[in-house]
Amino acid sequence: MRFNPAGTILYGRSQAQLQADLVAAQNAYGQLMIGGFTVSVAYEGKSVTYLPGQEGKLAEYINMLQRQLGNRAAGRRALRPMFR
């Protein structure tokens, strides 16, 4: 199944907005991983606070932003042997 950017909740946001959100989320992830107790990520006038132990949710958000920007493949492809 191919990734369809028009099918996500991020559809309609500009590349610049998505890139700014990605940088903020990656910075928040870094802070959380080095011992920050809480980190907040804001977008579209909303704010989400992540606590230690919620790194997975923040990583999912980062992955979604990367896919929307086209920076990440939608999924792994099967490896096929090549014979010469």
Protein backbone atom coordinates (compact mmCIF):
# COMPACT_ATOMS: atom_id res chain seq x y z
CA MET A 1 0.00 0.00 0.00
CA ARG A 2 1.43 3.34 -1.03
CA PHE A 3 1.47 6.37 1.27
CA ASN A 4 -1.06 9.02 0.29
CA PRO A 5 -0.22 12.47 1.75
CA ALA A 6 -3.74 13.68 0.95
CA GLY A 7 -5.12 11.04 3.30
CA THR A 8 -3.52 12.36 6.50
CA ILE A 9 -4.63 14.95 9.03
CA LEU A 10 -1.59 17.02 8.04
CA TYR A 11 -2.84 17.50 4.48
CA GLY A 12 -3.07 21.15 3.50
CA ARG A 13 -0.20 22.38 5.64
CA SER A 14 2.62 24.03 3.74
CA GLN A 15 6.06 22.46 3.45
CA ALA A 16 7.44 25.28 5.61
CA GLN A 17 4.87 24.60 8.36
CA LEU A 18 5.55 20.88 8.26
CA GLN A 19 9.30 21.45 8.38
CA ALA A 20 8.95 23.81 11.37
CA ASP A 21 6.76 21.24 13.15
CA LEU A 22 9.32 18.52 12.42
CA VAL A 23 12.19 20.57 13.86
CA ALA A 24 10.16 21.37 16.99
CA ALA A 25 9.19 17.72 17.46
CA GLN A 26 12.76 16.51 16.97
CA ASN A 27 14.04 19.08 19.47
CA ALA A 28 11.39 17.99 21.97
CA TYR A 29 12.34 14.34 21.43
CA GLY A 30 15.98 15.17 22.09
CA GLN A 31 15.10 16.99 25.30
CA LEU A 32 12.94 14.11 26.48
CA MET A 33 15.67 11.59 25.75
CA ILE A 34 18.30 13.51 27.73
CA GLY A 35 16.16 13.63 30.83
CA GLY A 36 13.62 16.38 30.32
CA PHE A 37 10.64 15.80 32.57
CA THR A 38 8.07 17.25 30.19
CA VAL A 39 8.29 18.71 26.72
CA SER A 40 5.63 20.50 24.72
CA VAL A 41 5.11 20.66 20.98
CA ALA A 42 2.79 23.31 19.54
CA TYR A 43 1.12 23.35 16.15
CA GLU A 44 -1.91 25.16 14.73
CA GLY A 45 -2.49 26.95 18.02
CA LYS A 46 -2.58 23.66 19.97
CA SER A 47 -0.01 22.28 22.34
CA VAL A 48 0.74 18.69 23.28
CA THR A 49 2.84 17.82 26.32
CA TYR A 50 4.84 14.61 26.37
CA LEU A 51 6.11 12.97 29.54
CA PRO A 52 8.91 10.46 30.08
CA GLY A 53 7.69 7.10 28.83
CA GLN A 54 5.81 8.67 25.90
CA GLU A 55 8.80 8.78 23.56
CA GLY A 56 7.03 6.33 21.26
CA LYS A 57 4.10 8.67 20.65
CA LEU A 58 6.44 11.55 19.89
CA ALA A 59 8.48 9.32 17.56
CA GLU A 60 5.25 8.37 15.73
CA TYR A 61 4.45 12.06 15.24
CA ILE A 62 7.97 12.68 13.90
CA ASN A 63 7.60 9.73 11.52
CA MET A 64 4.24 11.05 10.29
CA LEU A 65 5.77 14.49 9.61
CA GLN A 66 8.72 12.92 7.78
CA ARG A 67 6.42 10.85 5.61
CA GLN A 68 4.23 13.88 4.83
CA LEU A 69 7.36 15.76 3.75
CA GLY A 70 8.49 12.82 1.64
CA ASN A 71 11.60 12.29 3.77
CA ARG A 72 10.76 8.74 4.75
CA ALA A 73 9.63 5.70 2.84
CA ALA A 74 6.09 4.53 3.55
CA GLY A 75 7.27 1.07 4.51
CA ARG A 76 9.90 -1.53 4.01
CA ARG A 77 10.10 -3.33 0.75
CA ALA A 78 10.71 -7.04 0.64
CA LEU A 79 14.30 -7.98 -0.09
CA ARG A 80 14.66 -10.14 -3.14
CA PRO A 81 17.74 -12.13 -4.04
CA MET A 82 19.56 -11.09 -7.18
CA PHE A 83 21.23 -13.75 -9.28
CA ARG A 84 23.87 -12.94 -11.84
